[in-house]
């Protein structure tokens, strides 16, 4: 898993009410990593936050971690 995926996983588990249900999957393309975050039903609101501020912060952290590896990072939030 990339550094960006690790960052998303750690932050999501810290915010989740059920951290064992947090799943992070990655799709790699040349110069780009897509990080897909899945959480337990009803938990996604914790990671999105008010007006999407927490989600924006997670995306910023992931993008910064991806830059260390020379990748552009996109974070998708999936509701199961």
Protein backbone atom coordinates (compact mmCIF):
# COMPACT_ATOMS: atom_id res chain seq x y z
CA UNK A 1 0.00 0.00 0.00
CA UNK A 2 1.22 3.50 -0.77
CA UNK A 3 1.89 6.22 1.79
CA UNK A 4 -1.31 7.96 0.73
CA UNK A 5 -3.33 4.81 1.39
CA UNK A 6 -1.71 4.41 4.78
CA UNK A 7 -2.58 8.00 5.71
CA UNK A 8 -6.22 7.57 4.68
CA UNK A 9 -6.46 4.29 6.61
CA UNK A 10 -5.02 5.73 9.84
CA UNK A 11 -7.22 8.84 9.77
CA UNK A 12 -10.38 6.89 8.88
CA UNK A 13 -9.81 4.36 11.65
CA UNK A 14 -9.26 7.17 14.14
CA UNK A 15 -12.57 8.79 13.19
CA UNK A 16 -14.66 5.64 12.79
CA UNK A 17 -16.96 4.27 15.44
CA UNK A 18 -16.18 0.76 14.15
CA UNK A 19 -12.53 0.94 13.01
CA UNK A 20 -12.37 -2.76 12.10
CA UNK A 21 -14.87 -2.14 9.26
CA UNK A 22 -12.67 0.46 7.54
CA UNK A 23 -11.28 -0.76 4.20
CA UNK A 24 -8.89 0.99 1.87
CA UNK A 25 -8.26 -0.24 -1.67
CA UNK A 26 -5.92 1.26 -4.23
CA UNK A 27 -5.94 1.38 -8.00
CA UNK A 28 -2.63 2.39 -9.53
CA UNK A 29 -2.20 4.06 -12.86
CA UNK A 30 0.95 5.68 -14.27
CA UNK A 31 1.54 8.76 -12.10
CA UNK A 32 -1.78 8.42 -10.29
CA UNK A 33 -3.15 6.46 -7.35
CA UNK A 34 -6.89 6.16 -6.67
CA UNK A 35 -7.61 5.43 -3.01
CA UNK A 36 -11.09 4.03 -2.31
CA UNK A 37 -12.28 4.25 1.29
CA UNK A 38 -15.17 2.07 2.47
CA UNK A 39 -16.68 2.16 5.94
CA UNK A 40 -19.54 0.48 7.78
CA UNK A 41 -23.07 1.63 6.85
CA UNK A 42 -23.86 4.96 8.48
CA UNK A 43 -20.23 5.72 9.30
CA UNK A 44 -19.34 7.69 6.19
CA UNK A 45 -20.69 10.92 7.67
CA UNK A 46 -17.92 10.85 10.28
CA UNK A 47 -15.22 11.02 7.62
CA UNK A 48 -17.02 13.56 5.44
CA UNK A 49 -17.62 15.98 8.30
CA UNK A 50 -19.56 19.22 8.29
CA UNK A 51 -19.75 20.72 4.82
CA UNK A 52 -17.07 18.25 3.70
CA UNK A 53 -14.27 19.86 5.66
CA UNK A 54 -12.92 16.60 7.10
CA UNK A 55 -13.07 14.93 3.68
CA UNK A 56 -11.16 17.84 2.17
CA UNK A 57 -8.52 17.55 4.89
CA UNK A 58 -8.15 13.80 4.25
CA UNK A 59 -7.76 14.46 0.53
CA UNK A 60 -5.12 17.11 1.22
CA UNK A 61 -3.15 14.78 3.52
CA UNK A 62 -3.34 11.95 0.96
CA UNK A 63 -2.24 14.26 -1.87
CA UNK A 64 0.73 15.44 0.17
CA UNK A 65 1.75 11.86 0.99
CA UNK A 66 1.37 10.93 -2.68
CA UNK A 67 3.67 13.75 -3.74
CA UNK A 68 6.45 12.14 -1.69
CA UNK A 69 6.21 9.14 -4.02
CA UNK A 70 5.73 11.21 -7.16
CA UNK A 71 2.05 10.36 -7.62
CA UNK A 72 -1.15 12.31 -7.95
CA UNK A 73 -3.73 10.96 -5.49
CA UNK A 74 -7.52 10.86 -5.78
CA UNK A 75 -9.57 9.76 -2.75
CA UNK A 76 -13.02 8.26 -3.32
CA UNK A 77 -15.41 7.69 -0.42
CA UNK A 78 -17.62 4.63 -0.86
CA UNK A 79 -20.72 3.87 1.19
CA UNK A 80 -21.43 0.16 1.55
